[in-house]
Protein backbone atom coordinates (compact mmCIF):
# COMPACT_ATOMS: atom_id res chain seq x y z
CA UNK A 1 -5.90 -10.20 22.70
CA UNK A 2 -7.70 -6.63 23.42
CA UNK A 3 -8.10 -4.87 20.10
CA UNK A 4 -7.65 -1.35 19.69
CA UNK A 5 -10.19 0.54 17.69
CA UNK A 6 -8.78 2.83 14.71
CA UNK A 7 -9.46 6.46 14.67
CA UNK A 8 -11.92 7.86 12.10
CA UNK A 9 -11.58 11.05 9.88
CA UNK A 10 -12.59 13.12 12.40
CA UNK A 11 -10.30 11.95 15.02
CA UNK A 12 -7.51 11.42 12.84
CA UNK A 13 -7.66 15.02 11.82
CA UNK A 14 -7.56 16.25 15.58
CA UNK A 15 -4.75 13.83 16.55
CA UNK A 16 -2.73 14.88 13.47
CA UNK A 17 -3.37 18.21 13.35
CA UNK A 18 -4.79 19.97 16.41
CA UNK A 19 -3.60 17.88 19.46
CA UNK A 20 -0.19 18.43 20.80
CA UNK A 21 0.30 14.60 19.82
CA UNK A 22 4.39 13.28 20.36
CA UNK A 23 6.04 11.68 18.09
CA UNK A 24 5.68 8.12 19.99
CA UNK A 25 2.22 8.43 19.45
CA UNK A 26 2.35 9.27 15.81
CA UNK A 27 4.09 5.98 15.21
CA UNK A 28 1.74 4.10 17.46
CA UNK A 29 -1.03 5.40 15.28
CA UNK A 30 1.11 4.27 12.43
CA UNK A 31 1.70 1.06 13.51
CA UNK A 32 -1.60 0.03 14.01
CA UNK A 33 -3.05 1.52 11.03
CA UNK A 34 -0.52 -0.25 9.20
CA UNK A 35 -1.61 -4.00 11.24
CA UNK A 36 -5.31 -2.89 10.51
CA UNK A 37 -4.11 -2.58 6.72
CA UNK A 38 -4.80 0.98 6.67
CA UNK A 39 -1.80 2.08 4.96
CA UNK A 40 -2.41 5.69 3.75
CA UNK A 41 -3.61 6.56 6.96
CA UNK A 42 -0.39 5.01 8.68
CA UNK A 43 1.62 6.89 6.33
CA UNK A 44 0.12 10.23 7.38
CA UNK A 45 0.74 9.37 10.66
CA UNK A 46 4.26 8.41 10.04
CA UNK A 47 5.05 11.13 8.25
CA UNK A 48 3.72 13.68 10.64
CA UNK A 49 6.31 11.32 13.16
CA UNK A 50 9.03 11.87 10.55
CA UNK A 51 9.60 8.08 10.90
CA UNK A 52 11.64 7.11 8.04
CA UNK A 53 11.49 3.57 9.01
CA UNK A 54 7.57 3.55 9.12
CA UNK A 55 7.45 5.64 5.96
CA UNK A 56 10.02 2.99 4.39
CA UNK A 57 8.35 -0.03 5.14
CA UNK A 58 4.86 1.51 3.35
CA UNK A 59 7.23 2.12 0.48
CA UNK A 60 8.15 -1.49 0.56
CA UNK A 61 4.54 -2.50 1.07
CA UNK A 62 3.31 -0.53 -1.98
CA UNK A 63 5.92 -1.40 -4.12
CA UNK A 64 5.33 -5.59 -3.47
CA UNK A 65 1.43 -5.04 -4.12
CA UNK A 66 1.98 -2.74 -7.35
CA UNK A 67 0.57 0.30 -5.65
CA UNK A 68 1.85 3.15 -7.52
CA UNK A 69 -0.14 5.78 -5.93
CA UNK A 70 1.04 4.89 -2.36
CA UNK A 71 4.36 4.35 -3.69
CA UNK A 72 4.60 7.17 -4.95
CA UNK A 73 2.86 9.18 -1.77
CA UNK A 74 5.64 7.46 0.36
CA UNK A 75 8.75 7.99 -1.92
CA UNK A 76 7.47 11.54 -1.42
CA UNK A 77 6.96 11.55 1.94
CA UNK A 78 10.52 10.17 2.56
CA UNK A 79 11.71 12.96 0.07
CA UNK A 80 13.45 10.64 -2.18
CA UNK A 81 13.14 10.71 -6.21
CA UNK A 82 12.19 6.86 -7.65
CA UNK A 83 14.30 5.70 -10.30
CA UNK A 84 13.44 4.28 -13.20
CA UNK A 85 14.52 0.78 -12.00
CA UNK A 86 11.86 1.56 -9.46
CA UNK A 87 8.99 2.25 -12.08
CA UNK A 88 10.23 -0.42 -14.21
CA UNK A 89 9.73 -3.13 -11.10
CA UNK A 90 7.07 -1.54 -9.67
CA UNK A 91 5.11 -2.07 -13.22
CA UNK A 92 6.11 -5.34 -14.00
CA UNK A 93 4.83 -6.25 -10.30
CA UNK A 94 1.54 -4.21 -10.95
CA UNK A 95 0.69 -6.46 -13.89
CA UNK A 96 1.41 -9.73 -12.71
CA UNK A 97 -1.43 -9.03 -10.08
CA UNK A 98 -3.40 -7.61 -12.97
CA UNK A 99 -3.19 -4.29 -11.96
CA UNK A 100 -3.11 -2.95 -15.21
CA UNK A 101 -4.09 1.34 -14.16
CA UNK A 102 -1.27 1.10 -11.72
CA UNK A 103 0.82 -0.77 -14.36
CA UNK A 104 0.49 1.69 -17.24
CA UNK A 105 0.63 4.78 -14.38
CA UNK A 106 4.16 3.61 -13.49
CA UNK A 107 5.30 2.79 -17.11
CA UNK A 108 4.57 6.75 -17.54
CA UNK A 109 6.98 7.74 -15.07
CA UNK A 110 9.71 5.78 -16.60
CA UNK A 111 11.97 8.76 -17.88
CA UNK A 112 14.03 6.14 -20.42
CA UNK A 113 11.56 5.95 -23.38
CA UNK A 114 13.40 2.67 -24.64
CA UNK A 115 12.78 0.83 -21.55
CA UNK A 116 9.32 2.41 -21.35
CA UNK A 117 8.74 0.90 -24.29
CA UNK A 118 10.00 -2.09 -23.83
CA UNK A 119 7.81 -2.58 -20.95
CA UNK A 120 4.78 -1.39 -22.98
CA UNK A 121 4.12 -4.42 -24.84
CA UNK A 122 4.46 -6.52 -21.65
CA UNK A 123 1.64 -4.74 -19.85
CA UNK A 124 -0.58 -4.82 -23.06
CA UNK A 125 -0.05 -8.63 -23.14
CA UNK A 126 -0.90 -9.13 -19.53
CA UNK A 127 -3.66 -7.11 -19.77
CA UNK A 128 -4.66 -8.67 -23.22
CA UNK A 129 -4.36 -12.23 -21.28
CA UNK A 130 -6.98 -11.12 -18.72
CA UNK A 131 -9.51 -9.79 -21.05
CA UNK A 132 -9.86 -13.14 -23.06
């Protein structure tokens, strides 16, 4: 199997902003980046192509990996607003994966103060267990 080299920063910028690139090419580059684990780059290409399926795939990946930053970028690209349930799920997943900064960021996004207050001790307890 032939391995395709991912575009470096300069080539990525050229493809995204200077060249007359087709949506199919953007999706192709997005797929290459996603396969290589370069999810932020993949999201940039999917967003440029307005490829909802790709952006949703990145959103789901971010959710399953407790990545608050990538999740927020993907939901913004999709033009959606995450619910408190989404943030709760993300905070819990991040805490289970010992990504406590992401967990706290997700908690801060919850608008229901009672829910956020109930989750905060769970995140703090998980972090305390790791610290010991």
